[in-house]
């Protein structure tokens, strides 16, 4: 996998596609069916817990609007998955 950072914004619709593509179709806490209107998405930059690594981690914080449960997903993993899902047209 590439280590380059995706700088473009990732929309709620794209997060929704990623979650469904990975078969994450419900909140792990309340079980509510996940759809674009059921989550809030926020972008965060965090420091790694390992003191030998100074590179920040860009994450998406996904919050269930039903129960408030929080999940964190590496933003670069989502961006890479979305890039791989683009259709390649062959002439």
N, C-alpha and C. Protein backbone atom coordinates (compact mmCIF):
# COMPACT_ATOMS: atom_id res chain seq x y z
N UNK A 1 0.85 -1.17 0.00
CA UNK A 1 0.00 0.00 0.00
C UNK A 1 0.89 1.23 0.00
N UNK A 2 0.41 2.26 -0.62
CA UNK A 2 1.16 3.49 -0.69
C UNK A 2 1.10 4.23 0.65
N UNK A 3 2.15 5.00 0.94
CA UNK A 3 2.17 5.75 2.20
C UNK A 3 1.87 7.21 1.98
N UNK A 4 1.58 7.63 0.74
CA UNK A 4 1.29 9.03 0.50
C UNK A 4 -0.05 9.41 1.11
N UNK A 5 -0.16 10.68 1.46
CA UNK A 5 -1.34 11.17 2.15
C UNK A 5 -2.33 11.75 1.15
N UNK A 6 -3.59 11.40 1.32
CA UNK A 6 -4.67 11.97 0.51
C UNK A 6 -5.03 13.32 1.12
N UNK A 7 -5.03 14.36 0.30
CA UNK A 7 -5.30 15.69 0.83
C UNK A 7 -6.71 16.17 0.51
N UNK A 8 -7.38 15.52 -0.43
CA UNK A 8 -8.73 15.98 -0.77
C UNK A 8 -9.71 15.54 0.31
N UNK A 9 -10.78 16.30 0.51
CA UNK A 9 -11.79 15.92 1.50
C UNK A 9 -12.47 14.60 1.12
N UNK A 10 -12.83 13.84 2.11
CA UNK A 10 -13.58 12.61 1.90
C UNK A 10 -15.00 12.88 2.41
N UNK A 11 -15.98 12.73 1.54
CA UNK A 11 -17.36 13.07 1.87
C UNK A 11 -18.02 11.98 2.72
N UNK A 12 -19.16 12.34 3.33
CA UNK A 12 -19.93 11.35 4.08
C UNK A 12 -20.39 10.21 3.17
N UNK A 13 -20.73 10.54 1.93
CA UNK A 13 -21.17 9.50 0.98
C UNK A 13 -20.02 8.52 0.71
N UNK A 14 -18.80 9.02 0.62
CA UNK A 14 -17.65 8.14 0.39
C UNK A 14 -17.35 7.29 1.62
N UNK A 15 -17.50 7.87 2.80
CA UNK A 15 -17.33 7.10 4.04
C UNK A 15 -18.38 6.00 4.08
N UNK A 16 -19.60 6.33 3.70
CA UNK A 16 -20.69 5.36 3.65
C UNK A 16 -20.34 4.21 2.68
N UNK A 17 -19.83 4.54 1.50
CA UNK A 17 -19.42 3.51 0.53
C UNK A 17 -18.34 2.62 1.11
N UNK A 18 -17.37 3.21 1.81
CA UNK A 18 -16.28 2.44 2.43
C UNK A 18 -16.84 1.48 3.49
N UNK A 19 -17.70 1.99 4.37
CA UNK A 19 -18.25 1.15 5.43
C UNK A 19 -19.04 -0.02 4.86
N UNK A 20 -19.91 0.26 3.89
CA UNK A 20 -20.68 -0.82 3.28
C UNK A 20 -19.79 -1.76 2.49
N UNK A 21 -18.77 -1.22 1.83
CA UNK A 21 -17.83 -2.06 1.08
C UNK A 21 -17.06 -3.01 1.97
N UNK A 22 -16.85 -2.60 3.21
CA UNK A 22 -16.15 -3.45 4.19
C UNK A 22 -17.13 -4.23 5.06
N UNK A 23 -18.40 -4.21 4.67
CA UNK A 23 -19.48 -4.94 5.37
C UNK A 23 -19.68 -4.46 6.79
N UNK A 24 -19.44 -3.17 7.03
CA UNK A 24 -19.73 -2.56 8.32
C UNK A 24 -21.07 -1.86 8.14
N UNK A 25 -22.16 -2.60 8.35
CA UNK A 25 -23.48 -2.08 8.01
C UNK A 25 -24.30 -1.65 9.22
N UNK A 26 -23.75 -1.75 10.39
CA UNK A 26 -24.47 -1.32 11.58
C UNK A 26 -23.50 -0.84 12.64
N UNK A 27 -23.98 -0.01 13.52
CA UNK A 27 -23.17 0.46 14.64
C UNK A 27 -22.80 -0.74 15.51
N UNK A 28 -21.52 -0.89 15.89
CA UNK A 28 -21.14 -2.03 16.73
C UNK A 28 -21.72 -1.96 18.14
N UNK A 29 -22.22 -0.80 18.55
CA UNK A 29 -22.76 -0.66 19.91
C UNK A 29 -24.28 -0.85 19.92
N UNK A 30 -24.99 -0.06 19.11
CA UNK A 30 -26.46 -0.11 19.16
C UNK A 30 -27.07 -0.95 18.04
N UNK A 31 -26.29 -1.26 17.01
CA UNK A 31 -26.78 -2.11 15.93
C UNK A 31 -27.66 -1.40 14.92
N UNK A 32 -27.84 -0.11 15.08
CA UNK A 32 -28.69 0.62 14.14
C UNK A 32 -28.12 0.52 12.74
N UNK A 33 -29.00 0.33 11.77
CA UNK A 33 -28.59 0.26 10.37
C UNK A 33 -27.91 1.56 9.99
N UNK A 34 -26.74 1.45 9.41
CA UNK A 34 -25.96 2.63 9.10
C UNK A 34 -26.30 3.17 7.72
N UNK A 35 -26.58 4.43 7.65
CA UNK A 35 -26.75 5.11 6.37
C UNK A 35 -26.09 6.47 6.51
N UNK A 36 -26.00 7.17 5.41
CA UNK A 36 -25.30 8.44 5.38
C UNK A 36 -25.85 9.42 6.42
N UNK A 37 -27.15 9.34 6.73
CA UNK A 37 -27.73 10.28 7.68
C UNK A 37 -27.56 9.82 9.12
N UNK A 38 -27.05 8.63 9.34
CA UNK A 38 -26.91 8.09 10.70
C UNK A 38 -25.55 8.36 11.34
N UNK A 39 -24.63 8.98 10.60
CA UNK A 39 -23.29 9.19 11.14
C UNK A 39 -22.85 10.64 10.93
N UNK A 40 -21.99 11.08 11.83
CA UNK A 40 -21.25 12.34 11.65
C UNK A 40 -19.81 11.94 11.39
N UNK A 41 -19.14 12.68 10.52
CA UNK A 41 -17.76 12.36 10.16
C UNK A 41 -16.91 13.60 10.42
N UNK A 42 -15.81 13.42 11.15
CA UNK A 42 -14.88 14.50 11.45
C UNK A 42 -13.47 14.04 11.12
N UNK A 43 -12.65 14.94 10.59
CA UNK A 43 -11.26 14.64 10.28
C UNK A 43 -10.38 15.11 11.44
N UNK A 44 -9.50 14.23 11.89
CA UNK A 44 -8.58 14.54 12.98
C UNK A 44 -7.16 14.18 12.58
N UNK A 45 -6.20 14.88 13.15
CA UNK A 45 -4.80 14.50 13.02
C UNK A 45 -4.30 14.20 14.42
N UNK A 46 -3.77 12.99 14.60
CA UNK A 46 -3.34 12.52 15.91
C UNK A 46 -1.86 12.18 15.88
N UNK A 47 -1.25 12.19 17.05
CA UNK A 47 0.13 11.73 17.20
C UNK A 47 0.13 10.26 17.57
N UNK A 48 1.09 9.52 17.06
CA UNK A 48 1.20 8.10 17.39
C UNK A 48 1.63 7.94 18.84
N UNK A 49 1.20 6.84 19.45
CA UNK A 49 1.57 6.56 20.84
C UNK A 49 3.04 6.16 20.94
N UNK A 50 3.58 5.61 19.86
CA UNK A 50 4.99 5.18 19.82
C UNK A 50 5.88 6.42 19.75
N UNK A 51 6.70 6.68 20.77
CA UNK A 51 7.53 7.90 20.78
C UNK A 51 8.61 7.89 19.69
N UNK A 52 8.93 6.75 19.13
CA UNK A 52 9.96 6.70 18.10
C UNK A 52 9.42 7.13 16.73
N UNK A 53 8.09 7.22 16.59
CA UNK A 53 7.48 7.63 15.34
C UNK A 53 6.89 9.03 15.51
N UNK A 54 7.38 9.96 14.72
CA UNK A 54 6.91 11.34 14.84
C UNK A 54 5.86 11.69 13.79
N UNK A 55 5.58 10.78 12.86
CA UNK A 55 4.61 11.06 11.80
C UNK A 55 3.20 11.06 12.37
N UNK A 56 2.43 12.11 12.07
CA UNK A 56 1.04 12.13 12.54
C UNK A 56 0.18 11.13 11.77
N UNK A 57 -0.94 10.78 12.36
CA UNK A 57 -1.90 9.88 11.73
C UNK A 57 -3.17 10.69 11.44
N UNK A 58 -3.60 10.67 10.19
CA UNK A 58 -4.84 11.34 9.81
C UNK A 58 -5.96 10.32 9.89
N UNK A 59 -6.95 10.61 10.71
CA UNK A 59 -8.05 9.68 10.92
C UNK A 59 -9.39 10.36 10.67
N UNK A 60 -10.38 9.54 10.37
CA UNK A 60 -11.75 10.00 10.33
C UNK A 60 -12.44 9.46 11.57
N UNK A 61 -13.05 10.35 12.32
CA UNK A 61 -13.82 9.96 13.49
C UNK A 61 -15.27 9.86 13.04
N UNK A 62 -15.84 8.66 13.14
CA UNK A 62 -17.20 8.41 12.70
C UNK A 62 -18.06 8.20 13.94
N UNK A 63 -19.07 9.06 14.09
CA UNK A 63 -19.91 9.05 15.29
C UNK A 63 -21.32 8.61 14.92
N UNK A 64 -21.82 7.60 15.62
CA UNK A 64 -23.20 7.14 15.43
C UNK A 64 -24.14 8.20 16.02
N UNK A 65 -25.07 8.70 15.21
CA UNK A 65 -26.00 9.72 15.69
C UNK A 65 -27.07 9.12 16.61
N UNK A 66 -27.23 7.81 16.60
CA UNK A 66 -28.23 7.18 17.44
C UNK A 66 -27.74 7.05 18.89
N UNK A 67 -26.51 6.51 19.08
CA UNK A 67 -26.05 6.25 20.45
C UNK A 67 -24.77 7.00 20.83
N UNK A 68 -24.13 7.66 19.86
CA UNK A 68 -22.92 8.42 20.15
C UNK A 68 -21.63 7.63 20.15
N UNK A 69 -21.70 6.35 19.77
CA UNK A 69 -20.48 5.54 19.71
C UNK A 69 -19.51 6.12 18.67
N UNK A 70 -18.23 6.02 18.96
CA UNK A 70 -17.20 6.59 18.09
C UNK A 70 -16.31 5.49 17.54
N UNK A 71 -16.06 5.57 16.24
CA UNK A 71 -15.10 4.69 15.59
C UNK A 71 -14.04 5.56 14.92
N UNK A 72 -12.83 5.07 14.88
CA UNK A 72 -11.76 5.77 14.19
C UNK A 72 -11.27 4.90 13.04
N UNK A 73 -11.09 5.52 11.87
CA UNK A 73 -10.56 4.82 10.70
C UNK A 73 -9.45 5.67 10.10
N UNK A 74 -8.36 5.01 9.72
CA UNK A 74 -7.24 5.70 9.09
C UNK A 74 -7.72 6.31 7.78
N UNK A 75 -7.58 7.61 7.66
CA UNK A 75 -8.06 8.34 6.48
C UNK A 75 -7.37 7.85 5.21
N UNK A 76 -6.08 7.55 5.29
CA UNK A 76 -5.35 7.10 4.11
C UNK A 76 -5.82 5.73 3.64
N UNK A 77 -6.23 4.87 4.56
CA UNK A 77 -6.76 3.56 4.18
C UNK A 77 -8.06 3.74 3.42
N UNK A 78 -8.93 4.63 3.90
CA UNK A 78 -10.20 4.88 3.22
C UNK A 78 -9.94 5.49 1.84
N UNK A 79 -9.04 6.47 1.77
CA UNK A 79 -8.73 7.10 0.49
C UNK A 79 -8.17 6.09 -0.51
N UNK A 80 -7.30 5.21 -0.03
CA UNK A 80 -6.72 4.18 -0.91
C UNK A 80 -7.81 3.23 -1.39
N UNK A 81 -8.70 2.81 -0.51
CA UNK A 81 -9.80 1.91 -0.89
C UNK A 81 -10.69 2.58 -1.93
N UNK A 82 -11.03 3.86 -1.71
CA UNK A 82 -11.87 4.58 -2.67
C UNK A 82 -11.18 4.68 -4.03
N UNK A 83 -9.89 4.93 -4.02
CA UNK A 83 -9.13 5.02 -5.28
C UNK A 83 -9.15 3.69 -6.02
N UNK A 84 -9.05 2.60 -5.29
CA UNK A 84 -9.07 1.26 -5.91
C UNK A 84 -10.45 0.91 -6.46
N UNK A 85 -11.49 1.58 -5.98
CA UNK A 85 -12.85 1.27 -6.43
C UNK A 85 -13.24 1.99 -7.71
N UNK A 86 -12.40 2.94 -8.12
CA UNK A 86 -12.70 3.67 -9.36
C UNK A 86 -12.72 2.69 -10.52
N UNK A 87 -13.67 2.85 -11.38
CA UNK A 87 -13.79 1.97 -12.54
C UNK A 87 -12.75 2.33 -13.58
N UNK A 88 -12.19 1.32 -14.17
CA UNK A 88 -11.24 1.52 -15.25
C UNK A 88 -11.97 1.18 -16.54
N UNK A 89 -12.04 2.15 -17.44
CA UNK A 89 -12.73 1.94 -18.70
C UNK A 89 -11.73 1.48 -19.74
N UNK A 90 -12.05 0.39 -20.41
CA UNK A 90 -11.18 -0.17 -21.43
C UNK A 90 -11.84 0.08 -22.78
N UNK A 91 -11.07 0.59 -23.74
CA UNK A 91 -11.62 0.85 -25.07
C UNK A 91 -11.58 -0.40 -25.91
